[in-house]
C-alpha atoms as a PDB file:
ATOM      1  CA  MET A   1       6.260 -13.266   1.274  1.00  0.00           C
ATOM      2  CA  ARG A   2       9.103 -13.559  -1.216  1.00  0.00           C
ATOM      3  CA  GLU A   3      10.580 -10.912  -3.476  1.00  0.00           C
ATOM      4  CA  LEU A   4      11.824 -11.506  -6.989  1.00  0.00           C
ATOM      5  CA  PHE A   5      14.143  -8.800  -8.333  1.00  0.00           C
ATOM      6  CA  VAL A   6      13.103  -7.730 -11.836  1.00  0.00           C
ATOM      7  CA  GLY A   7      15.430  -4.880 -12.755  1.00  0.00           C
ATOM      8  CA  THR A   8      16.560  -1.292 -12.286  1.00  0.00           C
ATOM      9  CA  ARG A   9      16.077   1.991 -14.074  1.00  0.00           C
ATOM     10  CA  THR A  10      18.259   5.051 -13.650  1.00  0.00           C
ATOM     11  CA  VAL A  11      17.014   8.486 -14.690  1.00  0.00           C
ATOM     12  CA  PRO A  12      18.018  12.105 -14.158  1.00  0.00           C
ATOM     13  CA  GLY A  13      15.580  13.902 -11.885  1.00  0.00           C
ATOM     14  CA  GLU A  14      14.214  17.410 -12.135  1.00  0.00           C
ATOM     15  CA  ASP A  15      16.385  18.210  -9.117  1.00  0.00           C
ATOM     16  CA  GLY A  16      19.527  17.520 -11.191  1.00  0.00           C
ATOM     17  CA  GLN A  17      20.351  14.319  -9.302  1.00  0.00           C
ATOM     18  CA  THR A  18      20.320  10.801 -10.691  1.00  0.00           C
ATOM     19  CA  HIS A  19      17.596   8.520  -9.319  1.00  0.00           C
ATOM     20  CA  ARG A  20      17.847   4.734  -9.385  1.00  0.00           C
ATOM     21  CA  PHE A  21      14.709   2.618  -8.973  1.00  0.00           C
ATOM     22  CA  GLU A  22      14.619  -1.119  -8.303  1.00  0.00           C
ATOM     23  CA  TYR A  23      11.569  -3.189  -9.263  1.00  0.00           C
ATOM     24  CA  TYR A  24      10.405  -6.404  -7.602  1.00  0.00           C
ATOM     25  CA  VAL A  25       7.578  -8.920  -7.883  1.00  0.00           C
ATOM     26  CA  LEU A  26       6.111  -9.799  -4.493  1.00  0.00           C
ATOM     27  CA  ILE A  27       5.058 -13.441  -4.265  1.00  0.00           C
ATOM     28  CA  GLY A  28       2.663 -14.497  -1.537  1.00  0.00           C
ATOM     29  CA  GLN A  29      -0.318 -16.721  -0.916  1.00  0.00           C
ATOM     30  CA  MET A  30      -3.942 -15.715  -1.071  1.00  0.00           C
ATOM     31  CA  GLU A  31      -6.613 -17.767   0.644  1.00  0.00           C
ATOM     32  CA  VAL A  32      -9.507 -18.762  -1.580  1.00  0.00           C
ATOM     33  CA  ALA A  33     -12.828 -20.073  -0.203  1.00  0.00           C
ATOM     34  CA  HIS A  34     -11.294 -20.778   3.238  1.00  0.00           C
ATOM     35  CA  ARG A  35      -9.955 -24.126   2.020  1.00  0.00           C
ATOM     36  CA  PHE A  36      -7.544 -23.374  -0.764  1.00  0.00           C
ATOM     37  CA  ALA A  37      -4.598 -21.078  -1.277  1.00  0.00           C
ATOM     38  CA  CYS A  38      -3.076 -19.859  -4.498  1.00  0.00           C
ATOM     39  CA  GLU A  39       0.018 -17.881  -5.345  1.00  0.00           C
ATOM     40  CA  SER A  40      -0.579 -14.143  -5.536  1.00  0.00           C
ATOM     41  CA  TYR A  41       1.572 -11.397  -7.000  1.00  0.00           C
ATOM     42  CA  GLY A  42       2.209  -7.796  -6.112  1.00  0.00           C
ATOM     43  CA  VAL A  43       4.853  -5.169  -6.832  1.00  0.00           C
ATOM     44  CA  LYS A  44       7.495  -3.226  -4.963  1.00  0.00           C
ATOM     45  CA  VAL A  45       9.501  -0.187  -6.070  1.00  0.00           C
ATOM     46  CA  ARG A  46      12.512   1.009  -4.120  1.00  0.00           C
ATOM     47  CA  GLU A  47      14.612   4.081  -4.727  1.00  0.00           C
ATOM     48  CA  THR A  48      18.241   3.532  -3.808  1.00  0.00           C
ATOM     49  CA  GLY A  49      18.850   5.575  -0.688  1.00  0.00           C
ATOM     50  CA  GLY A  50      15.224   6.714  -0.625  1.00  0.00           C
ATOM     51  CA  GLU A  51      11.695   5.515  -0.056  1.00  0.00           C
ATOM     52  CA  THR A  52      10.045   2.185  -0.850  1.00  0.00           C
ATOM     53  CA  ALA A  53       6.461   1.418  -1.856  1.00  0.00           C
ATOM     54  CA  ALA A  54       4.898  -2.043  -2.043  1.00  0.00           C
ATOM     55  CA  ILE A  55       1.454  -3.324  -2.987  1.00  0.00           C
ATOM     56  CA  PRO A  56       0.916  -7.054  -2.383  1.00  0.00           C
ATOM     57  CA  ASP A  57      -1.817  -9.388  -3.673  1.00  0.00           C
ATOM     58  CA  LEU A  58      -2.769  -7.573  -6.874  1.00  0.00           C
ATOM     59  CA  THR A  59      -3.367 -10.614  -9.065  1.00  0.00           C
ATOM     60  CA  VAL A  60      -2.957 -14.372  -9.381  1.00  0.00           C
ATOM     61  CA  ASP A  61      -2.187 -14.110 -13.110  1.00  0.00           C
ATOM     62  CA  THR A  62       1.518 -14.091 -14.046  1.00  0.00           C
ATOM     63  CA  ARG A  63       0.790 -12.410 -17.383  1.00  0.00           C
ATOM     64  CA  ARG A  64      -0.942  -9.502 -15.645  1.00  0.00           C
ATOM     65  CA  ILE A  65       1.879  -8.928 -13.164  1.00  0.00           C
ATOM     66  CA  ASP A  66       4.412  -9.097 -16.005  1.00  0.00           C
ATOM     67  CA  ALA A  67       2.423  -6.466 -17.904  1.00  0.00           C
ATOM     68  CA  LEU A  68       2.268  -4.232 -14.829  1.00  0.00           C
ATOM     69  CA  LEU A  69       6.009  -4.499 -14.234  1.00  0.00           C
ATOM     70  CA  GLU A  70       6.644  -3.706 -17.902  1.00  0.00           C
ATOM     71  CA  LEU A  71       4.493  -0.584 -17.501  1.00  0.00           C
ATOM     72  CA  LEU A  72       6.292   0.455 -14.303  1.00  0.00           C
ATOM     73  CA  THR A  73       9.803  -0.028 -15.666  1.00  0.00           C
ATOM     74  CA  ARG A  74       9.093   1.445 -19.123  1.00  0.00           C
ATOM     75  CA  ASN A  75       7.748   4.626 -17.509  1.00  0.00           C
ATOM     76  CA  THR A  76      10.300   4.641 -14.662  1.00  0.00           C
ATOM     77  CA  VAL A  77       7.611   4.867 -11.991  1.00  0.00           C
ATOM     78  CA  GLY A  78       9.019   5.677  -8.565  1.00  0.00           C
ATOM     79  CA  PRO A  79       7.664   4.821  -5.128  1.00  0.00           C
ATOM     80  CA  ALA A  80       5.687   8.079  -4.909  1.00  0.00           C
ATOM     81  CA  GLY A  81       3.717   7.328  -8.093  1.00  0.00           C
ATOM     82  CA  LEU A  82       3.235   3.587  -7.626  1.00  0.00           C
ATOM     83  CA  ARG A  83      -0.219   3.698  -5.991  1.00  0.00           C
ATOM     84  CA  ASP A  84      -1.662   6.035  -8.653  1.00  0.00           C
ATOM     85  CA  VAL A  85      -0.361   3.905 -11.532  1.00  0.00           C
ATOM     86  CA  VAL A  86      -1.645   0.676  -9.964  1.00  0.00           C
ATOM     87  CA  ASP A  87      -5.048   2.247  -9.253  1.00  0.00           C
ATOM     88  CA  ASP A  88      -5.341   3.214 -12.940  1.00  0.00           C
ATOM     89  CA  TRP A  89      -4.086  -0.239 -14.007  1.00  0.00           C
ATOM     90  CA  LEU A  90      -6.730  -2.014 -11.939  1.00  0.00           C
END
């Protein structure tokens, strides 16, 4: 699986500290009908010096993964909230 760096967001936290999140597209292969494979896309969010969350194989559509990453970065979603946002997005 490959990772494609998309960007970072830095925000002040409720704890008074600054939090920096890095966003990535995960690029893998998904088997289809036991004979074919296609490129699949997922997401990863990493907090600098903190936790990381990744969800692979969400879609095969580049427009959908772009829209999801736009949603994540615009709302500065961290690793702790990634699963909930993706569940709602699906």
